[in-house]
Amino acid sequence: MSKEENIQKMLKIIDDAWANTPSIIISTKDYVYCLFPTDPADKDNWIEASFTLQDASLEQRILTVKEALVYLLEEVTHGLPGYIDMPIVLEIADLDKIKEKIKGA
C-alpha cells in the first residue's frame, strides 16, 4: 500500500479501536500501536496494528485472544521501556494528537 493508504487505514483502525472496548492504543515518538477485539461481544479475535511514523509503514494482523495477550505483554515489556512519557492513550484529546501525528507521517 502507498503511504497515504497506510495513513488513512491507520486512522480508521485507531477510530475502531477507540470505539471498541476493551482496547489499547499506545503512541510513542516512533510508532502507534493498538490492539482491540474484532467483535466486542465475543472477544475471540483481536486486531493488532502497528504504524511506524518515520516511513508510514503499517503492520496489521488478526490474533486469537491468547496471542493478543502474549503480543501485548511483549509490547509492554520490550517495546515501551525505552520511552519515558506515558504513551498509552487514555483520553479523547490524546487520540486527536495521535491522528495529527499519523497525518504528518
PDB file of N, CA and C in Angstrom:
ATOM      1  N   MET A   1       0.828  -1.191   0.000  1.00  0.00           N
ATOM      2  CA  MET A   1       0.000   0.000   0.000  1.00  0.00           C
ATOM      3  C   MET A   1       0.868   1.250   0.000  1.00  0.00           C
ATOM      4  N   SER A   2       0.303   2.308  -0.490  1.00  0.00           N
ATOM      5  CA  SER A   2       1.029   3.573  -0.513  1.00  0.00           C
ATOM      6  C   SER A   2       1.041   4.198   0.879  1.00  0.00           C
ATOM      7  N   LYS A   3       1.897   5.178   1.036  1.00  0.00           N
ATOM      8  CA  LYS A   3       1.995   5.897   2.304  1.00  0.00           C
ATOM      9  C   LYS A   3       0.634   6.481   2.702  1.00  0.00           C
ATOM     10  N   GLU A   4      -0.028   7.148   1.747  1.00  0.00           N
ATOM     11  CA  GLU A   4      -1.336   7.765   2.039  1.00  0.00           C
ATOM     12  C   GLU A   4      -2.385   6.716   2.397  1.00  0.00           C
ATOM     13  N   GLU A   5      -2.360   5.574   1.711  1.00  0.00           N
ATOM     14  CA  GLU A   5      -3.300   4.494   2.038  1.00  0.00           C
ATOM     15  C   GLU A   5      -3.059   3.972   3.453  1.00  0.00           C
ATOM     16  N   ASN A   6      -1.787   3.821   3.824  1.00  0.00           N
ATOM     17  CA  ASN A   6      -1.465   3.369   5.183  1.00  0.00           C
ATOM     18  C   ASN A   6      -1.933   4.377   6.228  1.00  0.00           C
ATOM     19  N   ILE A   7      -1.746   5.656   5.948  1.00  0.00           N
ATOM     20  CA  ILE A   7      -2.178   6.693   6.885  1.00  0.00           C
ATOM     21  C   ILE A   7      -3.692   6.625   7.076  1.00  0.00           C
ATOM     22  N   GLN A   8      -4.429   6.563   5.973  1.00  0.00           N
ATOM     23  CA  GLN A   8      -5.891   6.510   6.072  1.00  0.00           C
ATOM     24  C   GLN A   8      -6.365   5.239   6.769  1.00  0.00           C
ATOM     25  N   LYS A   9      -5.723   4.124   6.469  1.00  0.00           N
ATOM     26  CA  LYS A   9      -6.095   2.853   7.106  1.00  0.00           C
ATOM     27  C   LYS A   9      -5.830   2.900   8.605  1.00  0.00           C
ATOM     28  N   MET A  10      -4.677   3.460   9.010  1.00  0.00           N
ATOM     29  CA  MET A  10      -4.367   3.528  10.444  1.00  0.00           C
ATOM     30  C   MET A  10      -5.311   4.474  11.167  1.00  0.00           C
ATOM     31  N   LEU A  11      -5.688   5.570  10.536  1.00  0.00           N
ATOM     32  CA  LEU A  11      -6.656   6.482  11.158  1.00  0.00           C
ATOM     33  C   LEU A  11      -7.969   5.747  11.436  1.00  0.00           C
ATOM     34  N   LYS A  12      -8.408   4.934  10.475  1.00  0.00           N
ATOM     35  CA  LYS A  12      -9.633   4.156  10.681  1.00  0.00           C
ATOM     36  C   LYS A  12      -9.439   3.122  11.783  1.00  0.00           C
ATOM     37  N   ILE A  13      -8.293   2.477  11.799  1.00  0.00           N
ATOM     38  CA  ILE A  13      -8.013   1.456  12.811  1.00  0.00           C
ATOM     39  C   ILE A  13      -8.070   2.048  14.218  1.00  0.00           C
ATOM     40  N   ILE A  14      -7.448   3.210  14.427  1.00  0.00           N
ATOM     41  CA  ILE A  14      -7.475   3.762  15.787  1.00  0.00           C
ATOM     42  C   ILE A  14      -8.864   4.273  16.158  1.00  0.00           C
ATOM     43  N   ASP A  15      -9.639   4.739  15.183  1.00  0.00           N
ATOM     44  CA  ASP A  15     -11.035   5.093  15.479  1.00  0.00           C
ATOM     45  C   ASP A  15     -11.814   3.846  15.893  1.00  0.00           C
ATOM     46  N   ASP A  16     -11.603   2.739  15.182  1.00  0.00           N
ATOM     47  CA  ASP A  16     -12.265   1.479  15.533  1.00  0.00           C
ATOM     48  C   ASP A  16     -11.815   0.991  16.912  1.00  0.00           C
ATOM     49  N   ALA A  17     -10.524   1.131  17.189  1.00  0.00           N
ATOM     50  CA  ALA A  17     -10.008   0.711  18.498  1.00  0.00           C
ATOM     51  C   ALA A  17     -10.640   1.544  19.609  1.00  0.00           C
ATOM     52  N   TRP A  18     -10.759   2.847  19.387  1.00  0.00           N
ATOM     53  CA  TRP A  18     -11.352   3.728  20.397  1.00  0.00           C
ATOM     54  C   TRP A  18     -12.810   3.358  20.654  1.00  0.00           C
ATOM     55  N   ALA A  19     -13.511   2.948  19.596  1.00  0.00           N
ATOM     56  CA  ALA A  19     -14.937   2.635  19.702  1.00  0.00           C
ATOM     57  C   ALA A  19     -15.200   1.258  20.317  1.00  0.00           C
ATOM     58  N   ASN A  20     -14.211   0.388  20.307  1.00  0.00           N
ATOM     59  CA  ASN A  20     -14.378  -0.974  20.833  1.00  0.00           C
ATOM     60  C   ASN A  20     -13.615  -1.140  22.127  1.00  0.00           C
ATOM     61  N   THR A  21     -14.293  -1.645  23.120  1.00  0.00           N
ATOM     62  CA  THR A  21     -13.609  -1.917  24.378  1.00  0.00           C
ATOM     63  C   THR A  21     -13.693  -3.399  24.685  1.00  0.00           C
ATOM     64  N   PRO A  22     -12.718  -3.961  25.317  1.00  0.00           N
ATOM     65  CA  PRO A  22     -11.501  -3.283  25.740  1.00  0.00           C
ATOM     66  C   PRO A  22     -10.561  -3.066  24.553  1.00  0.00           C
ATOM     67  N   SER A  23      -9.813  -2.012  24.621  1.00  0.00           N
ATOM     68  CA  SER A  23      -8.817  -1.739  23.594  1.00  0.00           C
ATOM     69  C   SER A  23      -7.653  -1.013  24.232  1.00  0.00           C
ATOM     70  N   ILE A  24      -6.543  -1.024  23.523  1.00  0.00           N
ATOM     71  CA  ILE A  24      -5.376  -0.281  23.981  1.00  0.00           C
ATOM     72  C   ILE A  24      -4.768   0.423  22.777  1.00  0.00           C
ATOM     73  N   ILE A  25      -4.409   1.675  22.979  1.00  0.00           N
ATOM     74  CA  ILE A  25      -3.718   2.457  21.954  1.00  0.00           C
ATOM     75  C   ILE A  25      -2.481   3.046  22.615  1.00  0.00           C
ATOM     76  N   ILE A  26      -1.335   2.773  22.037  1.00  0.00           N
ATOM     77  CA  ILE A  26      -0.066   3.251  22.568  1.00  0.00           C
ATOM     78  C   ILE A  26       0.582   4.128  21.498  1.00  0.00           C
ATOM     79  N   SER A  27       1.013   5.309  21.902  1.00  0.00           N
ATOM     80  CA  SER A  27       1.650   6.224  20.963  1.00  0.00           C
ATOM     81  C   SER A  27       3.002   6.650  21.512  1.00  0.00           C
ATOM     82  N   THR A  28       4.046   6.394  20.746  1.00  0.00           N
ATOM     83  CA  THR A  28       5.390   6.841  21.114  1.00  0.00           C
ATOM     84  C   THR A  28       5.858   7.827  20.047  1.00  0.00           C
ATOM     85  N   LYS A  29       7.048   8.346  20.189  1.00  0.00           N
ATOM     86  CA  LYS A  29       7.580   9.272  19.191  1.00  0.00           C
ATOM     87  C   LYS A  29       7.898   8.553  17.876  1.00  0.00           C
ATOM     88  N   ASP A  30       7.967   7.233  17.904  1.00  0.00           N
ATOM     89  CA  ASP A  30       8.338   6.455  16.728  1.00  0.00           C
ATOM     90  C   ASP A  30       7.194   5.690  16.075  1.00  0.00           C
ATOM     91  N   TYR A  31       6.197   5.301  16.859  1.00  0.00           N
ATOM     92  CA  TYR A  31       5.141   4.457  16.307  1.00  0.00           C
ATOM     93  C   TYR A  31       3.850   4.577  17.113  1.00  0.00           C
ATOM     94  N   VAL A  32       2.760   4.074  16.501  1.00  0.00           N
ATOM     95  CA  VAL A  32       1.464   3.961  17.166  1.00  0.00           C
ATOM     96  C   VAL A  32       1.076   2.493  17.104  1.00  0.00           C
ATOM     97  N   TYR A  33       0.667   1.949  18.238  1.00  0.00           N
ATOM     98  CA  TYR A  33       0.295   0.541  18.366  1.00  0.00           C
ATOM     99  C   TYR A  33      -1.109   0.466  18.924  1.00  0.00           C
ATOM    100  N   CYS A  34      -1.917  -0.437  18.400  1.00  0.00           N
ATOM    101  CA  CYS A  34      -3.229  -0.645  19.012  1.00  0.00           C
ATOM    102  C   CYS A  34      -3.632  -2.106  18.933  1.00  0.00           C
ATOM    103  N   LEU A  35      -4.510  -2.448  19.862  1.00  0.00           N
ATOM    104  CA  LEU A  35      -4.999  -3.814  19.986  1.00  0.00           C
ATOM    105  C   LEU A  35      -6.433  -3.735  20.474  1.00  0.00           C
ATOM    106  N   PHE A  36      -7.347  -4.406  19.762  1.00  0.00           N
ATOM    107  CA  PHE A  36      -8.753  -4.364  20.157  1.00  0.00           C
ATOM    108  C   PHE A  36      -9.490  -5.572  19.568  1.00  0.00           C
ATOM    109  N   PRO A  37     -10.623  -5.955  20.168  1.00  0.00           N
ATOM    110  CA  PRO A  37     -11.368  -7.114  19.667  1.00  0.00           C
ATOM    111  C   PRO A  37     -12.080  -6.797  18.358  1.00  0.00           C
ATOM    112  N   THR A  38     -12.136  -7.786  17.470  1.00  0.00           N
ATOM    113  CA  THR A  38     -12.871  -7.611  16.212  1.00  0.00           C
ATOM    114  C   THR A  38     -14.368  -7.539  16.477  1.00  0.00           C
ATOM    115  N   ASP A  39     -14.816  -8.214  17.526  1.00  0.00           N
ATOM    116  CA  ASP A  39     -16.232  -8.201  17.915  1.00  0.00           C
ATOM    117  C   ASP A  39     -16.293  -7.996  19.421  1.00  0.00           C
ATOM    118  N   PRO A  40     -16.758  -6.830  19.867  1.00  0.00           N
ATOM    119  CA  PRO A  40     -16.789  -6.556  21.308  1.00  0.00           C
ATOM    120  C   PRO A  40     -17.648  -7.524  22.107  1.00  0.00           C
ATOM    121  N   ALA A  41     -18.564  -8.224  21.443  1.00  0.00           N
ATOM    122  CA  ALA A  41     -19.446  -9.142  22.159  1.00  0.00           C
ATOM    123  C   ALA A  41     -18.745 -10.437  22.550  1.00  0.00           C
ATOM    124  N   ASP A  42     -17.937 -11.011  21.642  1.00  0.00           N
ATOM    125  CA  ASP A  42     -17.331 -12.307  21.987  1.00  0.00           C
ATOM    126  C   ASP A  42     -15.842 -12.233  22.302  1.00  0.00           C
ATOM    127  N   LYS A  43     -15.137 -11.245  21.795  1.00  0.00           N
ATOM    128  CA  LYS A  43     -13.718 -11.010  22.091  1.00  0.00           C
ATOM    129  C   LYS A  43     -12.808 -12.217  21.790  1.00  0.00           C
ATOM    130  N   ASP A  44     -13.220 -13.062  20.832  1.00  0.00           N
ATOM    131  CA  ASP A  44     -12.403 -14.227  20.482  1.00  0.00           C
ATOM    132  C   ASP A  44     -11.233 -13.877  19.576  1.00  0.00           C
ATOM    133  N   ASN A  45     -11.396 -12.876  18.724  1.00  0.00           N
ATOM    134  CA  ASN A  45     -10.341 -12.460  17.800  1.00  0.00           C
ATOM    135  C   ASN A  45     -10.042 -10.987  17.999  1.00  0.00           C
ATOM    136  N   TRP A  46      -8.773 -10.648  17.854  1.00  0.00           N
ATOM    137  CA  TRP A  46      -8.305  -9.287  18.111  1.00  0.00           C
ATOM    138  C   TRP A  46      -7.532  -8.769  16.913  1.00  0.00           C
ATOM    139  N   ILE A  47      -7.612  -7.475  16.691  1.00  0.00           N
ATOM    140  CA  ILE A  47      -6.820  -6.808  15.658  1.00  0.00           C
ATOM    141  C   ILE A  47      -5.644  -6.130  16.344  1.00  0.00           C
ATOM    142  N   GLU A  48      -4.455  -6.405  15.845  1.00  0.00           N
ATOM    143  CA  GLU A  48      -3.249  -5.732  16.307  1.00  0.00           C
ATOM    144  C   GLU A  48      -2.713  -4.936  15.121  1.00  0.00           C
ATOM    145  N   ALA A  49      -2.399  -3.675  15.351  1.00  0.00           N
ATOM    146  CA  ALA A  49      -1.845  -2.842  14.285  1.00  0.00           C
ATOM    147  C   ALA A  49      -0.700  -2.009  14.838  1.00  0.00           C
ATOM    148  N   SER A  50       0.312  -1.852  14.016  1.00  0.00           N
ATOM    149  CA  SER A  50       1.461  -1.029  14.378  1.00  0.00           C
ATOM    150  C   SER A  50       1.804  -0.150  13.177  1.00  0.00           C
ATOM    151  N   PHE A  51       1.859   1.162  13.418  1.00  0.00           N
ATOM    152  CA  PHE A  51       2.137   2.149  12.385  1.00  0.00           C
ATOM    153  C   PHE A  51       3.439   2.844  12.735  1.00  0.00           C
ATOM    154  N   THR A  52       4.442   2.726  11.871  1.00  0.00           N
ATOM    155  CA  THR A  52       5.727   3.377  12.073  1.00  0.00           C
ATOM    156  C   THR A  52       5.676   4.765  11.454  1.00  0.00           C
ATOM    157  N   LEU A  53       5.928   5.780  12.269  1.00  0.00           N
ATOM    158  CA  LEU A  53       5.775   7.161  11.818  1.00  0.00           C
ATOM    159  C   LEU A  53       6.817   7.579  10.784  1.00  0.00           C
ATOM    160  N   GLN A  54       8.032   7.097  10.900  1.00  0.00           N
ATOM    161  CA  GLN A  54       9.105   7.530  10.006  1.00  0.00           C
ATOM    162  C   GLN A  54       8.797   7.247   8.536  1.00  0.00           C
ATOM    163  N   ASP A  55       8.281   6.061   8.249  1.00  0.00           N
ATOM    164  CA  ASP A  55       8.034   5.704   6.847  1.00  0.00           C
ATOM    165  C   ASP A  55       6.571   5.387   6.549  1.00  0.00           C
ATOM    166  N   ALA A  56       5.694   5.593   7.525  1.00  0.00           N
ATOM    167  CA  ALA A  56       4.253   5.334   7.383  1.00  0.00           C
ATOM    168  C   ALA A  56       3.967   3.880   7.031  1.00  0.00           C
ATOM    169  N   SER A  57       4.819   2.978   7.507  1.00  0.00           N
ATOM    170  CA  SER A  57       4.554   1.559   7.268  1.00  0.00           C
ATOM    171  C   SER A  57       3.509   1.071   8.272  1.00  0.00           C
ATOM    172  N   LEU A  58       2.718   0.121   7.843  1.00  0.00           N
ATOM    173  CA  LEU A  58       1.625  -0.402   8.656  1.00  0.00           C
ATOM    174  C   LEU A  58       1.681  -1.913   8.664  1.00  0.00           C
ATOM    175  N   GLU A  59       1.639  -2.463   9.857  1.00  0.00           N
ATOM    176  CA  GLU A  59       1.540  -3.905  10.012  1.00  0.00           C
ATOM    177  C   GLU A  59       0.249  -4.178  10.774  1.00  0.00           C
ATOM    178  N   GLN A  60      -0.516  -5.151  10.284  1.00  0.00           N
ATOM    179  CA  GLN A  60      -1.786  -5.480  10.916  1.00  0.00           C
ATOM    180  C   GLN A  60      -1.983  -6.983  10.855  1.00  0.00           C
ATOM    181  N   ARG A  61      -2.567  -7.529  11.928  1.00  0.00           N
ATOM    182  CA  ARG A  61      -2.878  -8.949  11.921  1.00  0.00           C
ATOM    183  C   ARG A  61      -4.049  -9.237  12.850  1.00  0.00           C
ATOM    184  N   ILE A  62      -4.692 -10.358  12.596  1.00  0.00           N
ATOM    185  CA  ILE A  62      -5.784 -10.836  13.440  1.00  0.00           C
ATOM    186  C   ILE A  62      -5.193 -11.903  14.362  1.00  0.00           C
ATOM    187  N   LEU A  63      -5.489 -11.779  15.646  1.00  0.00           N
ATOM    188  CA  LEU A  63      -4.937 -12.673  16.652  1.00  0.00           C
ATOM    189  C   LEU A  63      -6.042 -13.340  17.462  1.00  0.00           C
ATOM    190  N   THR A  64      -5.750 -14.521  17.986  1.00  0.00           N
ATOM    191  CA  THR A  64      -6.644 -15.122  18.972  1.00  0.00           C
ATOM    192  C   THR A  64      -6.481 -14.359  20.275  1.00  0.00           C
ATOM    193  N   VAL A  65      -7.356 -14.582  21.199  1.00  0.00           N
ATOM    194  CA  VAL A  65      -7.263 -13.874  22.480  1.00  0.00           C
ATOM    195  C   VAL A  65      -5.944 -14.199  23.188  1.00  0.00           C
ATOM    196  N   LYS A  66      -5.505 -15.438  23.125  1.00  0.00           N
ATOM    197  CA  LYS A  66      -4.231 -15.822  23.763  1.00  0.00           C
ATOM    198  C   LYS A  66      -3.050 -15.138  23.076  1.00  0.00           C
ATOM    199  N   GLU A  67      -3.066 -15.105  21.750  1.00  0.00           N
ATOM    200  CA  GLU A  67      -1.996 -14.424  21.020  1.00  0.00           C
ATOM    201  C   GLU A  67      -1.993 -12.931  21.338  1.00  0.00           C
ATOM    202  N   ALA A  68      -3.181 -12.345  21.424  1.00  0.00           N
ATOM    203  CA  ALA A  68      -3.281 -10.913  21.734  1.00  0.00           C
ATOM    204  C   ALA A  68      -2.631 -10.603  23.068  1.00  0.00           C
ATOM    205  N   LEU A  69      -2.882 -11.431  24.056  1.00  0.00           N
ATOM    206  CA  LEU A  69      -2.285 -11.222  25.372  1.00  0.00           C
ATOM    207  C   LEU A  69      -0.764 -11.362  25.317  1.00  0.00           C
ATOM    208  N   VAL A  70      -0.281 -12.372  24.631  1.00  0.00           N
ATOM    209  CA  VAL A  70       1.168 -12.585  24.523  1.00  0.00           C
ATOM    210  C   VAL A  70       1.842 -11.397  23.830  1.00  0.00           C
ATOM    211  N   TYR A  71       1.261 -10.936  22.717  1.00  0.00           N
ATOM    212  CA  TYR A  71       1.868  -9.817  21.981  1.00  0.00           C
ATOM    213  C   TYR A  71       1.749  -8.499  22.746  1.00  0.00           C
ATOM    214  N   LEU A  72       0.673  -8.323  23.493  1.00  0.00           N
ATOM    215  CA  LEU A  72       0.559  -7.123  24.323  1.00  0.00           C
ATOM    216  C   LEU A  72       1.633  -7.130  25.403  1.00  0.00           C
ATOM    217  N   LEU A  73       1.829  -8.260  26.046  1.00  0.00           N
ATOM    218  CA  LEU A  73       2.880  -8.352  27.064  1.00  0.00           C
ATOM    219  C   LEU A  73       4.252  -8.107  26.449  1.00  0.00           C
ATOM    220  N   GLU A  74       4.469  -8.614  25.242  1.00  0.00           N
ATOM    221  CA  GLU A  74       5.742  -8.367  24.558  1.00  0.00           C
ATOM    222  C   GLU A  74       5.926  -6.875  24.286  1.00  0.00           C
ATOM    223  N   GLU A  75       4.869  -6.219  23.839  1.00  0.00           N
ATOM    224  CA  GLU A  75       4.930  -4.780  23.570  1.00  0.00           C
ATOM    225  C   GLU A  75       5.272  -3.994  24.827  1.00  0.00           C
ATOM    226  N   VAL A  76       4.611  -4.336  25.912  1.00  0.00           N
ATOM    227  CA  VAL A  76       4.809  -3.619  27.176  1.00  0.00           C
ATOM    228  C   VAL A  76       6.200  -3.877  27.752  1.00  0.00           C
ATOM    229  N   THR A  77       6.681  -5.100  27.655  1.00  0.00           N
ATOM    230  CA  THR A  77       7.968  -5.430  28.271  1.00  0.00           C
ATOM    231  C   THR A  77       9.170  -5.143  27.383  1.00  0.00           C
ATOM    232  N   HIS A  78       8.991  -5.189  26.050  1.00  0.00           N
ATOM    233  CA  HIS A  78      10.128  -4.976  25.160  1.00  0.00           C
ATOM    234  C   HIS A  78      10.071  -3.654  24.398  1.00  0.00           C
ATOM    235  N   GLY A  79       8.881  -3.215  24.029  1.00  0.00           N
ATOM    236  CA  GLY A  79       8.757  -2.013  23.215  1.00  0.00           C
ATOM    237  C   GLY A  79       8.751  -0.718  23.990  1.00  0.00           C
ATOM    238  N   LEU A  80       8.160  -0.707  25.171  1.00  0.00           N
ATOM    239  CA  LEU A  80       7.967   0.542  25.896  1.00  0.00           C
ATOM    240  C   LEU A  80       9.040   0.955  26.891  1.00  0.00           C
ATOM    241  N   PRO A  81       9.862   0.071  27.391  1.00  0.00           N
ATOM    242  CA  PRO A  81      10.815   0.501  28.419  1.00  0.00           C
ATOM    243  C   PRO A  81      11.733   1.656  28.039  1.00  0.00           C
ATOM    244  N   GLY A  82      11.975   1.889  26.753  1.00  0.00           N
ATOM    245  CA  GLY A  82      12.843   2.983  26.337  1.00  0.00           C
ATOM    246  C   GLY A  82      12.170   4.346  26.291  1.00  0.00           C
ATOM    247  N   TYR A  83      10.873   4.391  26.561  1.00  0.00           N
ATOM    248  CA  TYR A  83      10.136   5.643  26.478  1.00  0.00           C
ATOM    249  C   TYR A  83       9.785   6.139  27.871  1.00  0.00           C
ATOM    250  N   ILE A  84      10.046   7.419  28.120  1.00  0.00           N
ATOM    251  CA  ILE A  84       9.794   7.997  29.440  1.00  0.00           C
ATOM    252  C   ILE A  84       8.348   8.435  29.590  1.00  0.00           C
ATOM    253  N   ASP A  85       7.803   9.143  28.580  1.00  0.00           N
ATOM    254  CA  ASP A  85       6.424   9.611  28.659  1.00  0.00           C
ATOM    255  C   ASP A  85       5.459   8.441  28.593  1.00  0.00           C
ATOM    256  N   MET A  86       4.347   8.557  29.311  1.00  0.00           N
ATOM    257  CA  MET A  86       3.330   7.523  29.276  1.00  0.00           C
ATOM    258  C   MET A  86       2.675   7.517  27.898  1.00  0.00           C
ATOM    259  N   PRO A  87       2.922   6.490  27.097  1.00  0.00           N
ATOM    260  CA  PRO A  87       2.444   6.511  25.724  1.00  0.00           C
ATOM    261  C   PRO A  87       1.051   5.904  25.517  1.00  0.00           C
ATOM    262  N   ILE A  88       0.353   5.524  26.567  1.00  0.00           N
ATOM    263  CA  ILE A  88      -0.948   4.873  26.413  1.00  0.00           C
ATOM    264  C   ILE A  88      -2.043   5.929  26.329  1.00  0.00           C
ATOM    265  N   VAL A  89      -2.896   5.790  25.343  1.00  0.00           N
ATOM    266  CA  VAL A  89      -3.969   6.758  25.117  1.00  0.00           C
ATOM    267  C   VAL A  89      -5.112   6.479  26.085  1.00  0.00           C
ATOM    268  N   LEU A  90      -5.430   7.484  26.900  1.00  0.00           N
ATOM    269  CA  LEU A  90      -6.481   7.341  27.900  1.00  0.00           C
ATOM    270  C   LEU A  90      -7.620   8.332  27.710  1.00  0.00           C
ATOM    271  N   GLU A  91      -7.403   9.388  26.925  1.00  0.00           N
ATOM    272  CA  GLU A  91      -8.411  10.425  26.748  1.00  0.00           C
ATOM    273  C   GLU A  91      -8.570  10.756  25.271  1.00  0.00           C
ATOM    274  N   ILE A  92      -9.750  11.245  24.898  1.00  0.00           N
ATOM    275  CA  ILE A  92     -10.040  11.571  23.508  1.00  0.00           C
ATOM    276  C   ILE A  92      -9.084  12.646  22.973  1.00  0.00           C
ATOM    277  N   ALA A  93      -8.650  13.562  23.809  1.00  0.00           N
ATOM    278  CA  ALA A  93      -7.700  14.589  23.362  1.00  0.00           C
ATOM    279  C   ALA A  93      -6.384  13.951  22.913  1.00  0.00           C
ATOM    280  N   ASP A  94      -5.980  12.882  23.603  1.00  0.00           N
ATOM    281  CA  ASP A  94      -4.771  12.164  23.202  1.00  0.00           C
ATOM    282  C   ASP A  94      -4.964  11.499  21.840  1.00  0.00           C
ATOM    283  N   LEU A  95      -6.162  10.998  21.586  1.00  0.00           N
ATOM    284  CA  LEU A  95      -6.460  10.365  20.308  1.00  0.00           C
ATOM    285  C   LEU A  95      -6.337  11.369  19.165  1.00  0.00           C
ATOM    286  N   ASP A  96      -6.827  12.578  19.377  1.00  0.00           N
ATOM    287  CA  ASP A  96      -6.724  13.616  18.353  1.00  0.00           C
ATOM    288  C   ASP A  96      -5.261  13.960  18.060  1.00  0.00           C
ATOM    289  N   LYS A  97      -4.414  13.981  19.085  1.00  0.00           N
ATOM    290  CA  LYS A  97      -2.978  14.240  18.891  1.00  0.00           C
ATOM    291  C   LYS A  97      -2.346  13.142  18.036  1.00  0.00           C
ATOM    292  N   ILE A  98      -2.743  11.903  18.275  1.00  0.00           N
ATOM    293  CA  ILE A  98      -2.193  10.785  17.513  1.00  0.00           C
ATOM    294  C   ILE A  98      -2.612  10.891  16.048  1.00  0.00           C
ATOM    295  N   LYS A  99      -3.869  11.262  15.812  1.00  0.00           N
ATOM    296  CA  LYS A  99      -4.329  11.392  14.427  1.00  0.00           C
ATOM    297  C   LYS A  99      -3.489  12.430  13.679  1.00  0.00           C
ATOM    298  N   GLU A 100      -3.179  13.536  14.332  1.00  0.00           N
ATOM    299  CA  GLU A 100      -2.346  14.564  13.694  1.00  0.00           C
ATOM    300  C   GLU A 100      -0.941  14.021  13.447  1.00  0.00           C
ATOM    301  N   LYS A 101      -0.422  13.236  14.373  1.00  0.00           N
ATOM    302  CA  LYS A 101       0.902  12.643  14.211  1.00  0.00           C
ATOM    303  C   LYS A 101       0.911  11.694  13.005  1.00  0.00           C
ATOM    304  N   ILE A 102      -0.119  10.870  12.864  1.00  0.00           N
ATOM    305  CA  ILE A 102      -0.216   9.940  11.751  1.00  0.00           C
ATOM    306  C   ILE A 102      -0.339  10.696  10.430  1.00  0.00           C
ATOM    307  N   LYS A 103      -1.172  11.732  10.405  1.00  0.00           N
ATOM    308  CA  LYS A 103      -1.355  12.516   9.181  1.00  0.00           C
ATOM    309  C   LYS A 103      -0.060  13.178   8.742  1.00  0.00           C
ATOM    310  N   GLY A 104       0.811  13.508   9.697  1.00  0.00           N
ATOM    311  CA  GLY A 104       2.073  14.162   9.383  1.00  0.00           C
ATOM    312  C   GLY A 104       3.181  13.217   8.993  1.00  0.00           C
ATOM    313  N   ALA A 105       2.891  11.909   8.952  1.00  0.00           N
ATOM    314  CA  ALA A 105       3.930  10.922   8.631  1.00  0.00           C
ATOM    315  C   ALA A 105       4.350  11.027   7.180  1.00  0.00           C
TER     316      ALA A 105
END
